[in-house]
N, C-alpha and C. Protein backbone atom coordinates (compact mmCIF):
# COMPACT_ATOMS: atom_id res chain seq x y z
N MET A 1 -24.71 -5.50 7.49
CA MET A 1 -24.60 -3.46 7.88
C MET A 1 -22.89 -3.46 8.38
N ALA A 2 -23.17 -2.00 7.58
CA ALA A 2 -21.50 -1.74 7.82
C ALA A 2 -20.65 -1.45 9.09
N ARG A 3 -19.48 -1.76 9.36
CA ARG A 3 -19.36 -1.31 10.50
C ARG A 3 -17.69 -0.57 9.93
N TRP A 4 -18.17 0.37 11.20
CA TRP A 4 -17.19 2.04 10.97
C TRP A 4 -16.58 2.22 11.59
N ARG A 5 -15.14 2.66 11.21
CA ARG A 5 -14.27 3.44 12.33
C ARG A 5 -13.51 4.55 11.76
N PRO A 6 -12.64 5.35 13.03
CA PRO A 6 -12.76 7.09 12.88
C PRO A 6 -11.61 6.01 11.41
N ALA A 7 -11.80 7.23 10.24
CA ALA A 7 -10.44 7.11 9.35
C ALA A 7 -9.16 7.56 9.51
N PHE A 8 -8.54 8.20 10.85
CA PHE A 8 -7.71 8.64 10.93
C PHE A 8 -6.86 7.80 12.19
N LEU A 9 -7.59 6.48 12.37
CA LEU A 9 -6.79 5.29 12.84
C LEU A 9 -5.69 4.86 12.09
N ALA A 10 -4.43 5.67 12.19
CA ALA A 10 -3.16 5.28 11.26
C ALA A 10 -2.69 3.92 11.34
N HIS A 11 -2.68 3.80 12.60
CA HIS A 11 -1.80 2.63 13.23
C HIS A 11 -2.64 0.99 12.79
N VAL A 12 -4.34 1.37 12.68
CA VAL A 12 -5.19 0.64 12.02
C VAL A 12 -4.76 0.27 10.74
N ALA A 13 -5.14 1.75 10.19
CA ALA A 13 -5.29 1.55 8.44
C ALA A 13 -3.76 1.76 7.93
N PRO A 14 -3.06 1.51 7.64
CA PRO A 14 -1.56 2.63 7.40
C PRO A 14 -1.93 2.36 6.07
N GLY A 15 -1.39 3.78 5.36
CA GLY A 15 -1.94 4.12 4.08
C GLY A 15 -2.86 4.84 3.68
N ARG A 16 -3.84 5.24 4.97
CA ARG A 16 -4.97 6.49 4.55
C ARG A 16 -4.62 7.87 4.85
N GLY A 17 -3.11 8.62 5.16
CA GLY A 17 -2.53 9.65 5.26
C GLY A 17 -2.88 10.12 6.65
N ALA A 18 -2.24 11.21 6.87
CA ALA A 18 -2.50 11.63 8.25
C ALA A 18 -3.90 12.32 9.24
N ALA A 19 -3.41 12.06 10.41
CA ALA A 19 -5.00 12.20 11.16
C ALA A 19 -5.35 14.10 10.76
N ARG A 20 -4.67 14.27 10.41
CA ARG A 20 -5.67 16.10 9.88
C ARG A 20 -6.33 15.76 8.57
N ASP A 21 -5.99 14.91 7.90
CA ASP A 21 -6.66 15.18 6.68
C ASP A 21 -8.01 14.16 6.82
N PHE A 22 -8.05 13.96 7.60
CA PHE A 22 -9.49 13.24 8.02
C PHE A 22 -10.30 14.08 9.58
N VAL A 23 -9.70 15.77 9.13
CA VAL A 23 -10.76 16.54 10.10
C VAL A 23 -11.49 17.30 9.21
N LEU A 24 -12.78 17.03 10.55
CA LEU A 24 -14.03 17.82 9.54
C LEU A 24 -14.21 19.34 10.63
N GLY A 25 -13.59 19.53 11.58
CA GLY A 25 -14.07 20.61 12.49
C GLY A 25 -13.69 20.68 13.89
N THR A 26 -13.23 21.52 14.06
CA THR A 26 -12.47 21.77 15.62
C THR A 26 -13.14 23.36 16.87
N ARG A 27 -13.00 22.76 18.06
CA ARG A 27 -13.54 24.12 18.83
C ARG A 27 -12.05 24.48 19.74
N VAL A 28 -11.65 25.25 19.25
CA VAL A 28 -10.21 25.51 20.49
C VAL A 28 -10.03 26.22 21.21
N ILE A 29 -9.38 26.77 22.10
CA ILE A 29 -9.60 27.59 23.35
C ILE A 29 -8.02 28.35 23.08
N THR A 30 -8.08 29.48 22.63
CA THR A 30 -6.54 30.21 22.47
C THR A 30 -6.05 30.57 23.63
N GLN A 31 -4.83 31.35 23.48
CA GLN A 31 -3.83 31.25 24.86
C GLN A 31 -5.15 32.71 25.09
N GLU A 32 -5.76 33.38 25.17
CA GLU A 32 -6.46 34.49 25.28
C GLU A 32 -7.70 33.85 26.10
N GLY A 33 -7.73 32.68 26.11
CA GLY A 33 -9.23 31.78 26.34
C GLY A 33 -10.12 32.31 25.74
N LYS A 34 -10.37 32.82 24.56
CA LYS A 34 -10.93 32.62 23.65
C LYS A 34 -11.77 31.13 23.25
N LEU A 35 -13.29 31.18 22.71
CA LEU A 35 -13.62 29.71 22.50
C LEU A 35 -14.18 29.58 20.85
N LEU A 36 -13.19 29.40 19.62
CA LEU A 36 -14.00 29.61 18.28
C LEU A 36 -13.75 28.36 18.22
N ARG A 37 -14.59 28.39 17.06
CA ARG A 37 -14.90 27.36 16.34
C ARG A 37 -14.39 27.35 14.64
N PHE A 38 -13.85 26.55 14.28
CA PHE A 38 -13.50 26.47 12.63
C PHE A 38 -14.17 25.19 12.01
N GLY A 39 -14.62 25.35 10.37
CA GLY A 39 -15.21 23.76 10.58
C GLY A 39 -16.66 23.34 10.59
N GLY A 40 -16.92 21.94 10.19
CA GLY A 40 -18.12 22.02 10.92
C GLY A 40 -18.08 20.07 11.44
N GLU A 41 -19.09 19.21 10.65
CA GLU A 41 -19.05 18.18 10.93
C GLU A 41 -19.78 17.48 10.29
N VAL A 42 -20.00 17.80 8.82
CA VAL A 42 -20.06 16.69 7.44
C VAL A 42 -19.15 17.82 6.87
N MET A 43 -18.80 16.55 5.51
CA MET A 43 -17.88 17.03 4.39
C MET A 43 -18.66 17.74 3.86
N LYS A 44 -18.14 18.48 3.36
CA LYS A 44 -18.13 19.59 1.76
C LYS A 44 -16.98 20.72 1.47
N ASN A 45 -17.30 21.12 0.16
CA ASN A 45 -15.96 21.81 -0.08
C ASN A 45 -16.28 23.30 0.10
N VAL A 46 -15.36 23.96 0.57
CA VAL A 46 -15.05 25.41 0.86
C VAL A 46 -14.19 25.82 0.50
N ALA A 47 -14.10 27.04 -0.13
CA ALA A 47 -12.80 27.70 -0.55
C ALA A 47 -12.24 28.51 0.75
N GLY A 48 -11.44 28.86 0.67
CA GLY A 48 -10.27 29.17 1.49
C GLY A 48 -9.35 28.62 2.41
N TYR A 49 -8.73 28.99 3.56
CA TYR A 49 -8.21 28.23 4.11
C TYR A 49 -8.79 27.26 5.63
N ASP A 50 -8.44 26.16 5.41
CA ASP A 50 -9.21 25.17 6.52
C ASP A 50 -8.03 24.92 7.59
N LEU A 51 -8.49 25.87 8.25
CA LEU A 51 -8.05 26.10 9.70
C LEU A 51 -8.04 25.41 10.77
N SER A 52 -9.16 24.15 10.48
CA SER A 52 -9.20 22.67 11.33
C SER A 52 -7.99 21.70 11.31
N ARG A 53 -8.11 21.94 9.57
CA ARG A 53 -6.89 20.78 9.52
C ARG A 53 -5.39 22.07 10.17
N MET A 54 -5.21 23.10 9.60
CA MET A 54 -4.12 23.64 10.55
C MET A 54 -4.03 23.27 12.23
N MET A 55 -4.58 23.50 12.85
CA MET A 55 -5.13 23.44 14.71
C MET A 55 -4.49 22.04 14.76
N ALA A 56 -5.23 21.15 13.75
CA ALA A 56 -4.67 19.40 14.20
C ALA A 56 -3.28 19.48 13.92
N GLY A 57 -2.61 19.87 12.55
CA GLY A 57 -1.51 19.60 12.70
C GLY A 57 -0.60 20.48 13.20
N ALA A 58 -0.68 21.77 14.27
CA ALA A 58 -0.03 22.70 15.05
C ALA A 58 -0.09 21.51 16.43
N GLN A 59 -0.56 20.40 16.32
CA GLN A 59 -0.48 19.70 17.63
C GLN A 59 -0.44 20.06 18.81
N GLY A 60 -1.49 21.45 19.37
CA GLY A 60 -2.04 21.90 20.26
C GLY A 60 -1.15 23.68 20.65
N THR A 61 -0.29 23.77 19.99
CA THR A 61 0.99 25.18 19.86
C THR A 61 -0.29 26.04 19.48
N LEU A 62 -1.10 26.20 19.01
CA LEU A 62 -1.59 27.32 18.40
C LEU A 62 -3.22 27.42 19.13
N GLY A 63 -3.37 26.73 20.58
CA GLY A 63 -4.18 26.34 21.29
C GLY A 63 -4.96 24.80 21.53
N VAL A 64 -5.40 25.10 22.62
CA VAL A 64 -5.86 23.52 23.08
C VAL A 64 -7.41 23.19 22.25
N LEU A 65 -7.07 22.00 21.92
CA LEU A 65 -8.28 21.94 21.23
C LEU A 65 -9.16 21.10 22.21
N THR A 66 -10.51 21.37 22.50
CA THR A 66 -11.49 20.80 22.97
C THR A 66 -12.38 20.13 22.24
N ASP A 67 -12.34 20.00 21.35
CA ASP A 67 -13.61 19.39 20.69
C ASP A 67 -12.90 18.77 18.89
N ILE A 68 -13.06 18.08 18.60
CA ILE A 68 -12.82 17.62 17.21
C ILE A 68 -13.55 16.87 16.87
N SER A 69 -14.42 16.86 14.95
CA SER A 69 -14.92 16.06 14.41
C SER A 69 -14.41 15.37 13.21
N PHE A 70 -14.23 14.07 13.22
CA PHE A 70 -14.30 13.25 12.53
C PHE A 70 -14.65 12.83 11.48
N LYS A 71 -14.11 12.54 10.07
CA LYS A 71 -15.13 11.65 8.38
C LYS A 71 -14.59 10.11 9.57
N VAL A 72 -15.44 9.22 9.09
CA VAL A 72 -15.56 7.63 9.35
C VAL A 72 -15.26 7.32 7.71
N LEU A 73 -14.90 5.84 8.08
CA LEU A 73 -15.33 5.23 6.45
C LEU A 73 -15.45 3.49 6.60
N PRO A 74 -15.74 3.06 6.20
CA PRO A 74 -16.69 1.80 6.06
C PRO A 74 -14.95 0.93 6.21
N ILE A 75 -15.23 -0.06 7.23
CA ILE A 75 -14.18 -1.05 7.44
C ILE A 75 -14.51 -1.86 6.02
N PRO A 76 -13.54 -1.76 5.04
CA PRO A 76 -13.78 -3.21 4.10
C PRO A 76 -13.71 -4.70 4.41
N ASN A 77 -14.32 -4.98 3.72
CA ASN A 77 -14.58 -6.93 4.05
C ASN A 77 -13.84 -6.84 3.50
N ALA A 78 -13.31 -6.95 2.52
CA ALA A 78 -12.04 -8.06 2.22
C ALA A 78 -10.42 -7.34 1.82
N THR A 79 -9.45 -7.55 2.25
CA THR A 79 -8.37 -7.33 1.90
C THR A 79 -7.06 -8.09 1.15
N HIS A 80 -6.71 -7.78 0.52
CA HIS A 80 -5.53 -8.45 -0.46
C HIS A 80 -4.28 -7.68 -0.49
N SER A 81 -3.23 -8.32 0.00
CA SER A 81 -2.05 -7.87 -0.13
C SER A 81 -1.24 -8.69 -1.12
N LEU A 82 -0.35 -7.77 -1.89
CA LEU A 82 0.73 -8.51 -2.60
C LEU A 82 2.10 -7.78 -2.58
N ARG A 83 2.70 -8.51 -3.17
CA ARG A 83 4.23 -8.23 -2.86
C ARG A 83 4.77 -8.69 -4.03
N LEU A 84 5.53 -7.67 -4.85
CA LEU A 84 6.62 -7.96 -6.28
C LEU A 84 7.45 -8.15 -6.39
N SER A 85 9.08 -8.70 -6.79
CA SER A 85 10.13 -8.71 -6.90
C SER A 85 10.31 -7.71 -7.97
N LEU A 86 10.43 -6.48 -7.83
CA LEU A 86 10.97 -5.82 -9.15
C LEU A 86 11.70 -4.73 -9.14
N ASN A 87 12.33 -4.43 -10.02
CA ASN A 87 13.21 -2.73 -10.13
C ASN A 87 12.08 -1.99 -9.78
N LEU A 88 12.87 -0.60 -9.96
CA LEU A 88 11.75 0.53 -9.97
C LEU A 88 11.09 0.79 -10.91
N SER A 89 12.08 0.81 -11.97
CA SER A 89 11.56 0.65 -13.62
C SER A 89 10.49 -0.05 -13.95
N ASP A 90 10.23 -0.70 -13.87
CA ASP A 90 8.96 -2.57 -13.89
C ASP A 90 8.22 -2.27 -12.89
N ALA A 91 8.28 -1.82 -11.53
CA ALA A 91 7.28 -1.31 -10.36
C ALA A 91 6.13 -0.62 -11.25
N LEU A 92 7.46 1.11 -11.89
CA LEU A 92 6.41 2.06 -11.87
C LEU A 92 5.38 1.58 -13.42
N ASN A 93 5.88 0.60 -14.51
CA ASN A 93 5.26 0.03 -15.27
C ASN A 93 4.07 -0.83 -14.98
N LYS A 94 4.15 -1.55 -13.83
CA LYS A 94 3.27 -2.14 -13.47
C LYS A 94 2.41 -1.30 -12.50
N LEU A 95 2.50 -0.49 -12.16
CA LEU A 95 1.42 0.44 -12.04
C LEU A 95 0.54 1.25 -12.71
N ALA A 96 1.65 1.85 -13.34
CA ALA A 96 0.56 2.32 -14.94
C ALA A 96 -0.27 1.40 -15.39
N GLU A 97 -0.20 0.20 -15.16
CA GLU A 97 -1.13 -0.84 -15.97
C GLU A 97 -1.61 -1.03 -15.00
N LEU A 98 -1.68 -1.49 -13.67
CA LEU A 98 -2.74 -1.76 -13.01
C LEU A 98 -3.82 -0.36 -12.55
N GLY A 99 -3.07 1.08 -13.22
CA GLY A 99 -3.91 1.54 -12.62
C GLY A 99 -4.58 1.80 -13.72
N ARG A 100 -4.99 1.39 -15.03
CA ARG A 100 -6.16 1.51 -15.93
C ARG A 100 -6.87 0.13 -15.91
N GLN A 101 -6.23 -0.67 -14.67
CA GLN A 101 -7.92 -1.63 -14.68
C GLN A 101 -8.94 -1.19 -13.66
N PRO A 102 -10.07 -1.36 -13.87
CA PRO A 102 -10.88 -1.73 -12.48
C PRO A 102 -10.12 -2.45 -11.20
N LEU A 103 -9.79 -2.02 -10.60
CA LEU A 103 -9.00 -2.78 -9.64
C LEU A 103 -9.13 -1.60 -8.02
N PRO A 104 -9.44 -2.46 -7.03
CA PRO A 104 -9.77 -1.48 -6.03
C PRO A 104 -7.91 -0.67 -5.26
N ILE A 105 -7.27 -0.55 -5.84
CA ILE A 105 -6.43 -0.28 -4.85
C ILE A 105 -5.71 0.46 -4.24
N THR A 106 -5.63 0.88 -3.03
CA THR A 106 -6.08 1.46 -1.79
C THR A 106 -4.66 1.61 -1.64
N ALA A 107 -3.67 0.73 -1.41
CA ALA A 107 -2.15 1.44 -1.71
C ALA A 107 -0.61 0.95 -1.93
N ALA A 108 -0.04 1.58 -2.88
CA ALA A 108 0.90 0.88 -2.72
C ALA A 108 2.67 1.86 -2.45
N ALA A 109 3.68 0.93 -2.57
CA ALA A 109 4.81 1.52 -2.06
C ALA A 109 5.55 0.20 -2.43
N TRP A 110 7.06 1.21 -2.88
CA TRP A 110 8.27 0.43 -3.55
C TRP A 110 9.18 0.63 -2.37
N TYR A 111 9.73 -0.50 -1.84
CA TYR A 111 10.85 -0.48 -1.05
C TYR A 111 11.69 -1.73 -1.75
N ASN A 112 13.18 -1.74 -1.78
CA ASN A 112 14.79 -2.01 -2.11
C ASN A 112 13.78 -3.03 -2.77
N GLY A 113 13.28 -3.04 -3.58
CA GLY A 113 13.62 -3.83 -4.53
C GLY A 113 11.69 -4.68 -5.12
N GLU A 114 11.46 -4.49 -4.10
CA GLU A 114 9.82 -5.28 -3.81
C GLU A 114 8.78 -3.69 -4.17
N LEU A 115 7.73 -4.26 -5.22
CA LEU A 115 5.93 -3.60 -5.08
C LEU A 115 5.62 -4.09 -4.44
N PHE A 116 4.69 -3.54 -3.05
CA PHE A 116 3.99 -3.58 -2.31
C PHE A 116 2.45 -3.22 -2.78
N LEU A 117 1.58 -4.23 -2.74
CA LEU A 117 0.15 -3.35 -3.67
C LEU A 117 -0.80 -4.26 -2.17
N ARG A 118 -1.88 -3.31 -2.16
CA ARG A 118 -3.30 -3.73 -1.03
C ARG A 118 -4.16 -3.47 -1.68
N LEU A 119 -5.05 -4.24 -1.71
CA LEU A 119 -6.51 -3.76 -2.65
C LEU A 119 -7.52 -4.25 -1.28
N GLU A 120 -8.08 -3.61 -1.48
CA GLU A 120 -9.73 -3.76 -0.26
C GLU A 120 -10.82 -3.02 -1.36
N GLY A 121 -12.26 -4.21 -0.28
CA GLY A 121 -13.22 -3.93 -1.40
C GLY A 121 -14.31 -4.66 -0.63
N GLY A 122 -15.16 -5.07 -1.57
CA GLY A 122 -16.23 -5.81 -1.02
C GLY A 122 -15.94 -7.24 -0.52
N LYS A 123 -17.32 -8.71 0.12
CA LYS A 123 -17.04 -9.19 0.70
C LYS A 123 -15.78 -10.20 -0.16
N VAL A 124 -15.70 -10.61 -1.98
CA VAL A 124 -15.32 -10.89 -3.15
C VAL A 124 -14.57 -10.17 -3.71
N LEU A 125 -13.11 -9.63 -3.71
CA LEU A 125 -12.75 -9.05 -4.80
C LEU A 125 -13.00 -9.82 -6.18
N SER A 126 -13.79 -9.41 -7.15
CA SER A 126 -14.10 -9.86 -8.20
C SER A 126 -13.09 -9.87 -9.47
N VAL A 127 -12.33 -8.69 -9.65
CA VAL A 127 -11.17 -8.91 -10.67
C VAL A 127 -10.26 -9.44 -9.52
N ARG A 128 -9.44 -9.88 -10.39
CA ARG A 128 -8.53 -10.67 -10.12
C ARG A 128 -7.11 -10.30 -10.68
N PRO A 129 -6.31 -9.57 -10.46
CA PRO A 129 -5.09 -9.06 -11.37
C PRO A 129 -4.49 -9.80 -11.95
N ARG A 130 -3.81 -9.84 -13.23
CA ARG A 130 -2.79 -10.63 -13.70
C ARG A 130 -1.82 -9.66 -13.23
N LEU A 131 -0.49 -10.20 -12.57
CA LEU A 131 0.61 -9.50 -12.11
C LEU A 131 1.75 -9.98 -13.51
N ASP A 132 1.42 -11.49 -14.21
CA ASP A 132 2.87 -12.01 -15.02
C ASP A 132 2.91 -11.18 -16.26
């Protein structure tokens, strides 16, 4: 049975994106007292402006958010983090090389001469990257 968590919990799942990226729909009370509804409660592709994300990104300056629908993601069963000492050029080459492999890379960052990678997936990460 899969466990679920709100996808917007950045402090629990860093690297997942901003909270507004996980907003599906909102209900807002404007300064005129009007109740407005934007978006929906399910994932779908819609053309036009994404006002739900705009309202979340405005942090309450455009109206009071009274109801917010978020998408949720399953919690991965396994997580593995790697830290490699590489200069920027070698790190970019390594990322390009790893990007051609079927690896569940969910985050990558280069900072101060080190490449940080996060891999997440099922109970056992069946593919082990060759990092040498």
